[in-house]
N, C-alpha and C. Protein backbone atom coordinates (compact mmCIF):
# COMPACT_ATOMS: atom_id res chain seq x y z
N MET A 1 20.30 15.72 4.82
CA MET A 1 20.30 16.74 4.31
C MET A 1 19.82 16.39 2.52
N GLU A 2 20.32 16.19 1.88
CA GLU A 2 19.64 15.46 0.80
C GLU A 2 17.95 15.78 0.61
N LEU A 3 17.79 13.59 0.94
CA LEU A 3 16.93 13.66 0.97
C LEU A 3 15.73 14.15 1.50
N LEU A 4 16.46 15.29 2.70
CA LEU A 4 15.26 15.83 3.33
C LEU A 4 14.83 16.72 2.44
N ASP A 5 16.02 16.78 2.13
CA ASP A 5 15.09 18.91 0.89
C ASP A 5 13.91 18.25 -0.04
N LEU A 6 14.80 17.09 -0.94
CA LEU A 6 13.77 16.63 -1.51
C LEU A 6 12.64 16.30 -1.09
N ALA A 7 12.28 15.47 0.62
CA ALA A 7 10.43 15.75 0.69
C ALA A 7 9.89 16.87 1.20
N LYS A 8 11.10 17.67 1.02
CA LYS A 8 10.39 19.63 1.35
C LYS A 8 10.09 19.21 2.67
N GLU A 9 9.87 18.55 3.59
CA GLU A 9 9.58 18.72 4.78
C GLU A 9 10.66 18.59 5.89
N GLU A 10 10.17 19.51 6.80
CA GLU A 10 11.53 20.10 8.15
C GLU A 10 11.79 18.47 9.39
N ALA A 11 13.05 18.70 9.65
CA ALA A 11 13.49 17.21 10.12
C ALA A 11 12.72 16.45 11.39
N SER A 12 12.08 17.71 12.39
CA SER A 12 11.10 17.49 12.92
C SER A 12 9.68 17.06 12.92
N THR A 13 9.97 16.61 11.60
CA THR A 13 8.28 15.83 10.87
C THR A 13 8.45 15.00 11.67
N PHE A 14 9.78 14.28 11.33
CA PHE A 14 10.39 13.06 11.19
C PHE A 14 10.91 12.57 12.55
N ALA A 15 10.90 13.18 13.23
CA ALA A 15 11.29 13.29 15.15
C ALA A 15 11.08 11.84 15.57
N HIS A 16 9.29 11.68 15.70
CA HIS A 16 8.85 10.39 16.29
C HIS A 16 9.54 9.29 16.05
N ILE A 17 10.15 8.86 14.91
CA ILE A 17 10.34 8.03 14.34
C ILE A 17 11.86 7.10 14.51
N LYS A 18 12.09 6.91 15.76
CA LYS A 18 12.93 6.35 16.34
C LYS A 18 14.56 5.44 15.47
N ASN A 19 13.36 4.83 14.95
CA ASN A 19 13.63 3.50 13.96
C ASN A 19 14.83 4.54 12.99
N ASP A 20 16.18 4.62 13.04
CA ASP A 20 17.16 5.70 11.67
C ASP A 20 16.40 5.22 9.81
N LYS A 21 17.05 3.15 10.98
CA LYS A 21 15.76 3.18 9.16
C LYS A 21 15.06 3.11 8.46
N VAL A 22 13.89 3.37 9.26
CA VAL A 22 12.58 3.16 8.73
C VAL A 22 12.21 5.29 8.93
N ARG A 23 12.44 5.85 9.41
CA ARG A 23 12.67 7.30 9.04
C ARG A 23 13.09 7.63 8.27
N ARG A 24 14.45 7.52 7.52
CA ARG A 24 14.29 7.12 6.36
C ARG A 24 13.50 7.24 4.50
N GLN A 25 13.31 5.44 5.54
CA GLN A 25 12.31 4.77 4.24
C GLN A 25 10.95 6.13 4.88
N SER A 26 11.06 6.29 5.24
CA SER A 26 9.52 7.32 5.52
C SER A 26 9.62 9.09 5.06
N ILE A 27 11.03 9.11 4.91
CA ILE A 27 11.54 10.54 3.89
C ILE A 27 11.61 10.61 2.37
N SER A 28 11.41 8.75 1.78
CA SER A 28 11.55 8.77 1.21
C SER A 28 10.59 8.94 0.68
N GLY A 29 9.71 7.62 1.04
CA GLY A 29 8.34 8.06 0.60
C GLY A 29 7.58 9.75 0.41
N ARG A 30 8.25 10.21 1.13
CA ARG A 30 7.48 11.68 1.12
C ARG A 30 8.40 12.58 0.04
N ALA A 31 9.28 12.13 -0.35
CA ALA A 31 9.82 12.58 -1.61
C ALA A 31 9.87 12.34 -2.88
N ALA A 32 8.73 11.02 -2.60
CA ALA A 32 8.54 10.12 -3.50
C ALA A 32 7.10 10.96 -4.11
N LEU A 33 6.18 11.59 -3.10
CA LEU A 33 5.17 12.01 -3.00
C LEU A 33 5.97 13.29 -3.56
N THR A 34 6.44 14.15 -3.08
CA THR A 34 6.54 15.72 -3.39
C THR A 34 7.06 15.85 -4.96
N HIS A 35 8.41 14.47 -5.46
CA HIS A 35 8.69 14.40 -7.07
C HIS A 35 7.45 14.56 -7.58
N LEU A 36 6.50 13.56 -6.73
CA LEU A 36 5.23 13.13 -8.24
C LEU A 36 4.31 14.11 -8.82
N LEU A 37 3.68 15.40 -7.09
CA LEU A 37 3.46 16.47 -7.24
C LEU A 37 3.94 17.11 -8.00
N GLY A 38 5.27 17.23 -8.15
CA GLY A 38 5.71 18.32 -8.82
C GLY A 38 5.47 17.68 -10.31
N GLN A 39 5.71 16.81 -11.03
CA GLN A 39 5.14 15.98 -12.79
C GLN A 39 4.33 16.69 -12.48
N LEU A 40 2.95 16.40 -11.83
CA LEU A 40 1.53 16.88 -11.86
C LEU A 40 1.68 18.32 -11.99
N ASP A 41 2.90 19.24 -11.46
CA ASP A 41 2.50 20.53 -11.40
C ASP A 41 1.90 21.43 -10.07
N LEU A 42 1.50 20.30 -9.31
CA LEU A 42 0.36 20.24 -8.12
C LEU A 42 1.91 20.61 -7.15
N GLU A 43 1.14 21.95 -6.42
CA GLU A 43 2.01 22.20 -5.37
C GLU A 43 1.80 21.17 -3.45
N TYR A 44 3.00 21.24 -2.72
CA TYR A 44 3.04 20.49 -2.08
C TYR A 44 2.77 21.57 -0.72
N HIS A 45 2.24 21.39 0.71
CA HIS A 45 1.64 21.83 1.62
C HIS A 45 2.01 20.78 2.70
N GLY A 46 2.32 19.56 2.05
CA GLY A 46 2.44 19.26 3.58
C GLY A 46 1.18 18.25 3.45
N ILE A 47 1.34 16.86 4.94
CA ILE A 47 0.38 16.34 4.53
C ILE A 47 -0.11 15.81 6.17
N HIS A 48 -1.48 15.98 6.57
CA HIS A 48 -2.25 15.45 7.58
C HIS A 48 -2.87 14.19 7.42
N LYS A 49 -3.02 13.50 8.79
CA LYS A 49 -3.78 12.18 9.12
C LYS A 49 -4.85 11.88 9.77
N ASN A 50 -5.70 11.71 9.21
CA ASN A 50 -6.97 11.63 9.79
C ASN A 50 -6.71 11.02 11.10
N GLU A 51 -8.05 10.43 11.35
CA GLU A 51 -8.04 10.09 13.15
C GLU A 51 -7.54 8.36 12.95
N ASN A 52 -8.07 8.15 11.40
CA ASN A 52 -7.39 6.37 11.45
C ASN A 52 -6.08 6.61 11.26
N GLY A 53 -5.28 7.38 10.89
CA GLY A 53 -4.25 7.34 10.72
C GLY A 53 -4.16 7.76 8.63
N LYS A 54 -5.22 7.87 8.16
CA LYS A 54 -4.80 7.96 6.63
C LYS A 54 -4.63 9.38 6.37
N PRO A 55 -3.48 9.49 5.53
CA PRO A 55 -2.64 10.43 5.23
C PRO A 55 -3.72 11.23 4.65
N PHE A 56 -4.21 12.77 3.91
CA PHE A 56 -3.52 13.54 2.72
C PHE A 56 -3.37 14.57 3.09
N LEU A 57 -3.70 15.44 2.14
CA LEU A 57 -2.52 16.20 1.64
C LEU A 57 -3.19 17.65 1.86
N VAL A 58 -2.38 18.90 2.37
CA VAL A 58 -2.91 19.67 3.24
C VAL A 58 -3.60 20.85 1.90
N ASN A 59 -4.76 21.24 2.04
CA ASN A 59 -5.24 21.55 1.12
C ASN A 59 -5.50 21.21 -0.28
N SER A 60 -5.99 20.07 -0.55
CA SER A 60 -6.77 19.44 -1.45
C SER A 60 -7.30 18.50 -1.96
N GLU A 61 -7.79 18.23 -2.12
CA GLU A 61 -9.19 17.15 -2.46
C GLU A 61 -8.46 15.72 -2.96
N TYR A 62 -7.25 15.45 -3.56
CA TYR A 62 -6.99 14.11 -3.89
C TYR A 62 -6.83 13.74 -2.61
N SER A 63 -6.61 12.11 -3.11
CA SER A 63 -6.29 11.12 -2.16
C SER A 63 -4.71 11.06 -2.37
N ILE A 64 -3.88 10.65 -1.78
CA ILE A 64 -2.84 10.35 -1.28
C ILE A 64 -2.01 8.51 -1.08
N SER A 65 -1.58 7.56 -1.70
CA SER A 65 -0.97 6.86 -0.33
C SER A 65 0.48 6.39 -1.03
N ILE A 66 1.28 6.21 0.36
CA ILE A 66 2.63 5.83 0.30
C ILE A 66 3.03 4.63 0.94
N SER A 67 4.15 4.37 0.42
CA SER A 67 4.70 3.13 0.83
C SER A 67 6.11 2.83 0.06
N HIS A 68 6.72 2.30 1.21
CA HIS A 68 8.04 1.80 1.23
C HIS A 68 8.57 0.61 2.08
N SER A 69 9.73 -0.24 1.10
CA SER A 69 10.11 -1.13 2.15
C SER A 69 11.27 -1.38 1.28
N ARG A 70 12.53 -1.34 2.16
CA ARG A 70 13.49 -1.32 2.51
C ARG A 70 14.45 -0.24 1.30
N HIS A 71 15.38 -0.44 0.22
CA HIS A 71 16.21 0.52 -0.45
C HIS A 71 14.86 0.98 -1.21
N PHE A 72 13.60 1.27 -1.53
CA PHE A 72 12.68 1.34 -2.79
C PHE A 72 11.26 2.01 -1.66
N ALA A 73 11.16 3.33 -2.10
CA ALA A 73 10.13 4.32 -2.05
C ALA A 73 9.09 4.42 -3.06
N CYS A 74 7.75 4.47 -2.91
CA CYS A 74 6.68 4.53 -4.14
C CYS A 74 5.47 5.64 -3.23
N ALA A 75 4.76 6.74 -4.26
CA ALA A 75 3.32 7.42 -3.72
C ALA A 75 2.72 6.83 -5.30
N MET A 76 1.60 7.36 -4.33
CA MET A 76 0.67 7.64 -5.45
C MET A 76 -0.88 8.36 -5.58
N ILE A 77 -1.27 9.50 -5.94
CA ILE A 77 -1.94 10.50 -6.51
C ILE A 77 -3.79 9.47 -7.06
N SER A 78 -4.32 10.08 -6.91
CA SER A 78 -6.01 9.39 -7.15
C SER A 78 -6.20 11.20 -8.14
N LEU A 79 -6.29 11.85 -8.91
CA LEU A 79 -6.60 13.43 -9.53
C LEU A 79 -8.20 13.48 -9.61
N ILE A 80 -8.84 12.18 -9.09
CA ILE A 80 -10.24 12.09 -8.71
C ILE A 80 -10.78 12.36 -7.48
N PRO A 81 -11.16 13.81 -6.98
CA PRO A 81 -10.95 14.26 -5.52
C PRO A 81 -12.18 12.88 -4.91
N LYS A 82 -11.56 12.63 -3.84
CA LYS A 82 -11.89 11.66 -3.07
C LYS A 82 -12.24 10.31 -3.24
N ASP A 83 -10.92 10.28 -3.97
CA ASP A 83 -11.28 8.59 -4.74
C ASP A 83 -10.42 7.33 -3.78
N PHE A 84 -10.37 6.43 -3.50
CA PHE A 84 -10.41 5.75 -2.79
C PHE A 84 -8.95 5.28 -3.42
N ILE A 85 -7.69 4.81 -2.84
CA ILE A 85 -6.44 4.49 -3.77
C ILE A 85 -5.67 4.11 -2.56
N GLY A 86 -4.95 2.77 -2.59
CA GLY A 86 -3.66 2.27 -1.76
C GLY A 86 -3.21 1.79 -2.93
N ILE A 87 -1.42 2.01 -1.75
CA ILE A 87 -0.28 1.41 -2.53
C ILE A 87 0.48 0.50 -1.88
N ASP A 88 0.93 -0.58 -2.21
CA ASP A 88 1.91 -1.35 -1.19
C ASP A 88 3.57 -2.05 -2.14
N ILE A 89 4.37 -1.49 -1.42
CA ILE A 89 5.82 -2.65 -2.02
C ILE A 89 6.31 -3.59 -0.75
N GLU A 90 6.61 -4.09 -1.27
CA GLU A 90 6.86 -4.82 0.00
C GLU A 90 8.26 -6.05 -1.51
N MET A 91 9.41 -6.35 -0.48
CA MET A 91 10.81 -6.96 -0.91
C MET A 91 9.97 -8.38 -0.68
N VAL A 92 9.82 -9.41 -1.94
CA VAL A 92 9.65 -11.07 -2.03
C VAL A 92 10.63 -11.61 -1.16
N THR A 93 10.22 -12.16 0.23
CA THR A 93 11.18 -13.04 0.82
C THR A 93 10.46 -14.05 1.75
N PRO A 94 11.05 -15.15 2.16
CA PRO A 94 10.55 -16.26 2.21
C PRO A 94 9.32 -16.38 3.81
N LYS A 95 9.99 -14.59 4.75
CA LYS A 95 9.23 -15.17 5.48
C LYS A 95 7.63 -14.43 5.59
N VAL A 96 7.60 -14.55 4.40
CA VAL A 96 5.67 -14.47 3.81
C VAL A 96 5.84 -15.77 4.22
N LEU A 97 6.12 -16.63 4.03
CA LEU A 97 5.25 -18.40 3.36
C LEU A 97 5.04 -18.63 5.01
N ARG A 98 5.78 -17.61 5.83
CA ARG A 98 4.99 -18.32 7.39
C ARG A 98 4.43 -17.98 7.96
N LEU A 99 3.87 -15.85 7.47
CA LEU A 99 2.76 -15.43 8.14
C LEU A 99 1.66 -15.47 6.97
N ILE A 100 1.92 -16.50 6.34
CA ILE A 100 0.80 -16.10 5.03
C ILE A 100 -0.78 -16.61 5.88
N SER A 101 -0.65 -18.01 6.44
CA SER A 101 -2.36 -18.33 7.46
C SER A 101 -2.66 -17.18 7.90
N ARG A 102 -1.48 -16.65 8.54
CA ARG A 102 -2.64 -15.23 9.32
C ARG A 102 -3.31 -14.59 8.76
N PHE A 103 -3.16 -14.52 7.16
CA PHE A 103 -4.07 -12.83 7.03
C PHE A 103 -4.44 -13.94 5.50
N ALA A 104 -3.72 -14.87 4.84
CA ALA A 104 -4.68 -15.59 3.83
C ALA A 104 -6.15 -16.36 4.50
N ASN A 105 -6.97 -16.57 3.52
CA ASN A 105 -8.23 -17.18 3.56
C ASN A 105 -7.90 -18.71 1.92
N PRO A 106 -8.31 -19.61 2.32
CA PRO A 106 -7.74 -20.55 1.60
C PRO A 106 -7.95 -20.32 0.21
N ASP A 107 -8.54 -19.85 -0.12
CA ASP A 107 -8.56 -19.29 -2.23
C ASP A 107 -7.52 -18.66 -2.55
N GLU A 108 -7.09 -17.57 -1.97
CA GLU A 108 -5.61 -17.09 -1.70
C GLU A 108 -4.37 -17.81 -0.67
N LEU A 109 -4.36 -18.85 0.25
CA LEU A 109 -3.96 -19.74 0.42
C LEU A 109 -3.35 -21.08 -1.11
N LYS A 110 -4.32 -20.69 -2.18
CA LYS A 110 -4.13 -22.24 -2.69
C LYS A 110 -3.14 -21.32 -3.63
N PHE A 111 -4.01 -19.73 -4.18
CA PHE A 111 -2.87 -18.80 -5.20
C PHE A 111 -1.64 -18.66 -5.02
N ALA A 112 -1.27 -18.46 -3.79
CA ALA A 112 0.03 -18.32 -2.92
C ALA A 112 0.87 -19.62 -3.19
N GLN A 113 0.16 -20.98 -2.96
CA GLN A 113 1.11 -22.00 -3.14
C GLN A 113 1.08 -22.67 -5.15
N SER A 114 0.20 -21.81 -5.32
CA SER A 114 0.26 -22.30 -6.48
C SER A 114 2.55 -21.87 -7.77
N THR A 115 2.74 -21.35 -7.31
CA THR A 115 3.73 -21.00 -7.50
C THR A 115 4.42 -22.40 -7.33
N ILE A 116 6.33 -22.42 -8.24
CA ILE A 116 7.04 -22.92 -8.60
C ILE A 116 8.26 -23.45 -6.98
N ASP A 117 7.93 -24.06 -6.63
CA ASP A 117 9.43 -24.62 -5.35
C ASP A 117 9.17 -23.63 -4.37
N GLY A 118 7.64 -23.20 -4.20
CA GLY A 118 8.08 -22.71 -3.24
C GLY A 118 8.26 -21.37 -2.66
N ASN A 119 8.15 -20.90 -3.79
CA ASN A 119 8.32 -19.06 -4.33
C ASN A 119 7.46 -18.67 -4.05
N PRO A 120 8.14 -17.30 -3.44
CA PRO A 120 6.98 -16.37 -2.15
C PRO A 120 6.19 -15.06 -2.64
N GLN A 121 7.07 -15.31 -3.86
CA GLN A 121 6.17 -14.27 -4.93
C GLN A 121 4.54 -14.29 -4.79
N ASN A 122 3.81 -15.02 -5.25
CA ASN A 122 2.27 -15.09 -4.87
C ASN A 122 2.05 -14.24 -3.10
N ALA A 123 2.82 -15.38 -2.32
CA ALA A 123 2.99 -15.07 -0.94
C ALA A 123 2.49 -13.21 -0.93
N THR A 124 3.19 -12.37 -1.38
CA THR A 124 3.50 -11.36 -1.66
C THR A 124 2.82 -10.71 -1.79
N VAL A 125 2.12 -11.05 -3.19
CA VAL A 125 1.16 -10.65 -4.39
C VAL A 125 -0.23 -10.94 -3.52
N ILE A 126 -0.35 -11.70 -2.24
CA ILE A 126 -1.34 -11.39 -1.51
C ILE A 126 -1.42 -10.42 -0.30
N TRP A 127 -0.38 -10.60 -0.23
CA TRP A 127 -0.06 -9.35 1.31
C TRP A 127 -0.01 -7.73 0.32
N THR A 128 0.78 -7.88 -0.23
CA THR A 128 0.17 -6.20 -1.04
C THR A 128 -1.04 -5.66 -0.85
N LEU A 129 -1.77 -5.93 -1.79
CA LEU A 129 -2.92 -6.13 -2.68
C LEU A 129 -3.38 -5.69 -0.71
N LYS A 130 -3.42 -6.88 -0.15
CA LYS A 130 -4.42 -6.84 1.37
C LYS A 130 -4.12 -5.46 2.15
N GLU A 131 -2.83 -5.27 1.64
CA GLU A 131 -2.34 -3.82 2.55
C GLU A 131 -2.91 -2.59 1.44
N ALA A 132 -2.34 -3.06 0.14
CA ALA A 132 -3.32 -1.30 -0.42
C ALA A 132 -4.52 -1.25 -0.21
N ALA A 133 -5.45 -2.53 -0.38
CA ALA A 133 -7.37 -2.41 -0.27
C ALA A 133 -7.26 -2.04 1.34
N TYR A 134 -6.60 -2.27 2.02
CA TYR A 134 -6.63 -1.25 3.64
C TYR A 134 -6.34 -0.05 4.30
N LYS A 135 -5.04 0.27 3.17
CA LYS A 135 -4.71 1.86 2.75
C LYS A 135 -5.40 2.85 1.98
N ALA A 136 -6.49 2.27 0.89
CA ALA A 136 -7.45 2.73 0.52
C ALA A 136 -9.09 3.12 1.51
N PHE A 137 -8.73 1.75 1.84
CA PHE A 137 -10.32 1.92 2.57
C PHE A 137 -10.24 2.92 3.92
N GLY A 138 -8.81 2.94 4.11
CA GLY A 138 -8.87 4.03 5.64
C GLY A 138 -9.36 4.32 7.00
N GLN A 139 -10.02 2.78 7.90
CA GLN A 139 -10.47 2.86 8.65
C GLN A 139 -9.83 1.29 9.45
N LEU A 140 -9.60 1.89 10.34
CA LEU A 140 -9.17 0.41 11.27
C LEU A 140 -9.83 -0.29 11.92
N ASN A 141 -9.54 -1.27 12.57
CA ASN A 141 -10.17 -2.57 12.44
C ASN A 141 -10.74 -3.43 11.58
N ILE A 142 -9.81 -3.46 10.97
CA ILE A 142 -10.36 -4.76 9.47
C ILE A 142 -9.33 -5.84 9.48
N GLU A 143 -10.15 -6.80 9.95
CA GLU A 143 -9.22 -8.58 10.31
C GLU A 143 -8.63 -8.75 8.81
N PHE A 144 -7.10 -8.75 8.45
CA PHE A 144 -7.04 -8.91 7.02
C PHE A 144 -7.40 -10.34 6.20
N LYS A 145 -7.28 -11.35 7.24
CA LYS A 145 -8.23 -12.85 6.99
C LYS A 145 -9.20 -12.91 6.91
N SER A 146 -10.22 -12.30 7.40
CA SER A 146 -11.12 -12.61 6.72
C SER A 146 -12.27 -11.26 6.02
N GLN A 147 -11.90 -10.18 6.04
CA GLN A 147 -12.40 -9.15 6.14
C GLN A 147 -12.06 -8.67 5.05
N ILE A 148 -10.55 -9.17 4.12
CA ILE A 148 -10.29 -8.49 2.92
C ILE A 148 -9.93 -9.65 2.19
N LYS A 149 -10.78 -9.65 1.32
CA LYS A 149 -10.71 -10.89 0.07
C LYS A 149 -10.14 -10.88 -0.84
N SER A 150 -9.44 -11.55 -2.11
CA SER A 150 -9.22 -11.45 -2.97
C SER A 150 -10.08 -11.85 -4.10
N LEU A 151 -10.12 -11.36 -4.88
CA LEU A 151 -11.36 -12.03 -5.74
C LEU A 151 -10.35 -12.90 -6.97
N PHE A 152 -10.70 -13.81 -7.36
CA PHE A 152 -10.67 -13.75 -8.76
C PHE A 152 -10.75 -14.70 -9.49
N GLY A 153 -10.34 -14.89 -11.48
CA GLY A 153 -10.64 -14.87 -12.63
C GLY A 153 -10.92 -16.13 -12.60
N LEU A 154 -11.40 -16.31 -14.01
CA LEU A 154 -10.69 -17.26 -14.18
C LEU A 154 -9.81 -18.61 -14.15
N ASN A 155 -8.71 -17.71 -14.84
CA ASN A 155 -7.21 -19.18 -15.02
C ASN A 155 -6.62 -18.28 -13.64
N ASN A 156 -7.27 -18.05 -12.35
CA ASN A 156 -6.90 -17.96 -10.96
C ASN A 156 -6.14 -16.59 -11.22
N GLU A 157 -5.99 -15.87 -11.70
CA GLU A 157 -5.18 -14.46 -11.37
C GLU A 157 -6.12 -13.23 -10.93
N ILE A 158 -5.54 -12.64 -9.75
CA ILE A 158 -6.66 -11.67 -9.27
C ILE A 158 -6.92 -10.02 -10.26
N GLU A 159 -8.47 -10.17 -10.30
CA GLU A 159 -8.88 -9.37 -10.51
C GLU A 159 -9.22 -8.65 -9.43
N GLY A 160 -9.18 -8.51 -8.67
CA GLY A 160 -9.60 -7.35 -7.19
C GLY A 160 -9.51 -7.48 -6.48
N ILE A 161 -9.90 -6.80 -5.26
CA ILE A 161 -10.21 -7.20 -3.77
C ILE A 161 -11.18 -6.33 -3.31
N GLU A 162 -11.61 -7.08 -2.22
CA GLU A 162 -12.77 -6.54 -1.62
C GLU A 162 -12.49 -6.97 0.06
N ILE A 163 -13.98 -5.61 0.56
CA ILE A 163 -14.22 -5.78 2.03
C ILE A 163 -14.57 -5.33 2.69
N ASN A 164 -14.93 -6.30 3.72
CA ASN A 164 -16.65 -6.80 4.16
C ASN A 164 -16.31 -6.27 5.52
N THR A 165 -17.30 -5.66 5.42
CA THR A 165 -17.48 -4.60 6.92
C THR A 165 -17.97 -5.01 7.82
N VAL A 166 -17.98 -5.42 9.49
CA VAL A 166 -18.89 -6.24 10.00
C VAL A 166 -20.43 -5.81 9.78
N GLN A 167 -20.69 -5.02 9.21
CA GLN A 167 -21.79 -4.76 9.01
C GLN A 167 -22.84 -5.05 7.49
N GLY A 168 -21.62 -5.92 7.20
CA GLY A 168 -22.04 -6.67 6.12
C GLY A 168 -21.81 -5.82 4.67
N LYS A 169 -21.52 -4.30 4.67
CA LYS A 169 -21.13 -3.58 3.23
C LYS A 169 -19.76 -3.87 2.70
N ALA A 170 -20.13 -4.43 1.59
CA ALA A 170 -18.91 -5.02 0.52
C ALA A 170 -18.30 -3.71 0.18
N HIS A 171 -17.25 -3.65 0.05
CA HIS A 171 -15.97 -2.27 -0.55
C HIS A 171 -15.43 -2.62 -1.63
N GLN A 172 -15.64 -3.15 -3.05
CA GLN A 172 -14.86 -3.50 -3.77
C GLN A 172 -14.10 -2.41 -4.74
N TYR A 173 -12.31 -3.42 -5.04
CA TYR A 173 -11.63 -2.36 -5.85
C TYR A 173 -10.81 -3.27 -6.37
N SER A 174 -10.67 -2.11 -7.39
CA SER A 174 -9.78 -2.54 -8.85
C SER A 174 -8.07 -2.76 -8.28
N SER A 175 -7.51 -3.61 -8.57
CA SER A 175 -6.37 -3.96 -8.16
C SER A 175 -5.38 -3.97 -9.73
N LYS A 176 -3.79 -3.37 -9.71
CA LYS A 176 -2.72 -3.74 -10.24
C LYS A 176 -1.93 -4.32 -9.55
N ILE A 177 -0.74 -5.65 -10.27
CA ILE A 177 0.52 -5.51 -9.64
C ILE A 177 1.67 -5.65 -10.64
N TYR A 178 2.07 -5.21 -9.77
CA TYR A 178 3.86 -4.73 -10.64
C TYR A 178 5.05 -5.08 -9.81
N LEU A 179 5.61 -6.36 -10.97
CA LEU A 179 6.71 -6.78 -9.70
C LEU A 179 7.96 -6.08 -10.57
N HIS A 180 8.96 -5.48 -9.57
CA HIS A 180 10.18 -5.14 -10.66
C HIS A 180 11.92 -6.09 -9.16
N GLU A 181 12.25 -6.20 -10.04
CA GLU A 181 13.44 -6.65 -10.00
C GLU A 181 13.08 -7.94 -8.44
N ASP A 182 13.39 -7.55 -7.28
CA ASP A 182 12.84 -9.10 -5.86
C ASP A 182 11.40 -8.13 -4.84
N PHE A 183 10.84 -7.44 -6.01
CA PHE A 183 9.67 -6.87 -5.26
C PHE A 183 8.17 -6.65 -5.98
N VAL A 184 7.05 -6.74 -5.08
CA VAL A 184 6.30 -6.23 -5.13
C VAL A 184 5.50 -5.58 -5.12
N VAL A 185 4.74 -4.61 -6.17
CA VAL A 185 3.97 -3.76 -5.73
C VAL A 185 2.42 -3.27 -6.29
N SER A 186 2.28 -3.40 -4.93
CA SER A 186 0.18 -3.48 -5.40
C SER A 186 -0.51 -2.53 -5.22
N ILE A 187 -1.38 -1.92 -6.49
CA ILE A 187 -2.03 -0.61 -6.08
C ILE A 187 -3.77 -0.67 -6.54
N THR A 188 -4.08 -0.81 -5.15
CA THR A 188 -5.82 -0.61 -5.36
C THR A 188 -6.50 0.78 -5.58
N TYR A 189 -7.61 0.86 -6.05
CA TYR A 189 -8.53 1.79 -6.51
C TYR A 189 -9.85 1.58 -6.44
N GLN A 190 -10.67 2.78 -6.86
CA GLN A 190 -12.08 2.92 -6.88
C GLN A 190 -12.77 3.19 -8.07
């Protein structure tokens, strides 16, 4: 009950989530968001989602993004009205190496394979950046492998990320990557 109180939500808000672990993670994400809002002296009135599932604060024009993985949850808010932001957190595990060919283009595969001894950290970086960009973009039916592309600099470092729509329009996002313990946190913003 204590976590639910921190999230400032009713238990019924999360009743549709049948998996106990996932429900706790979702509540933790909400708790992280309400904590962040409190730090900014902003009042929490709840969240609503648009037709694509993108969350928005009730009675606010600020953009938000929430993510959780295992025992961590994080939230992000942009104090620039109508800004486009996204955050994703994932634990670094070998599983991502088995899946990377499904979501990474050739340049991203090369970056992912540049780590020593098959360490999955760079593959996790690619995944979290793409997931954060997808959240920032906020529209459905974007194919991660062909439409979301990491932008690399001269030293093979990621400098941003781009989403290309089927109509041919490119949306570029700046990005930041943070490593914490065995987790990667990626944020994207315009």
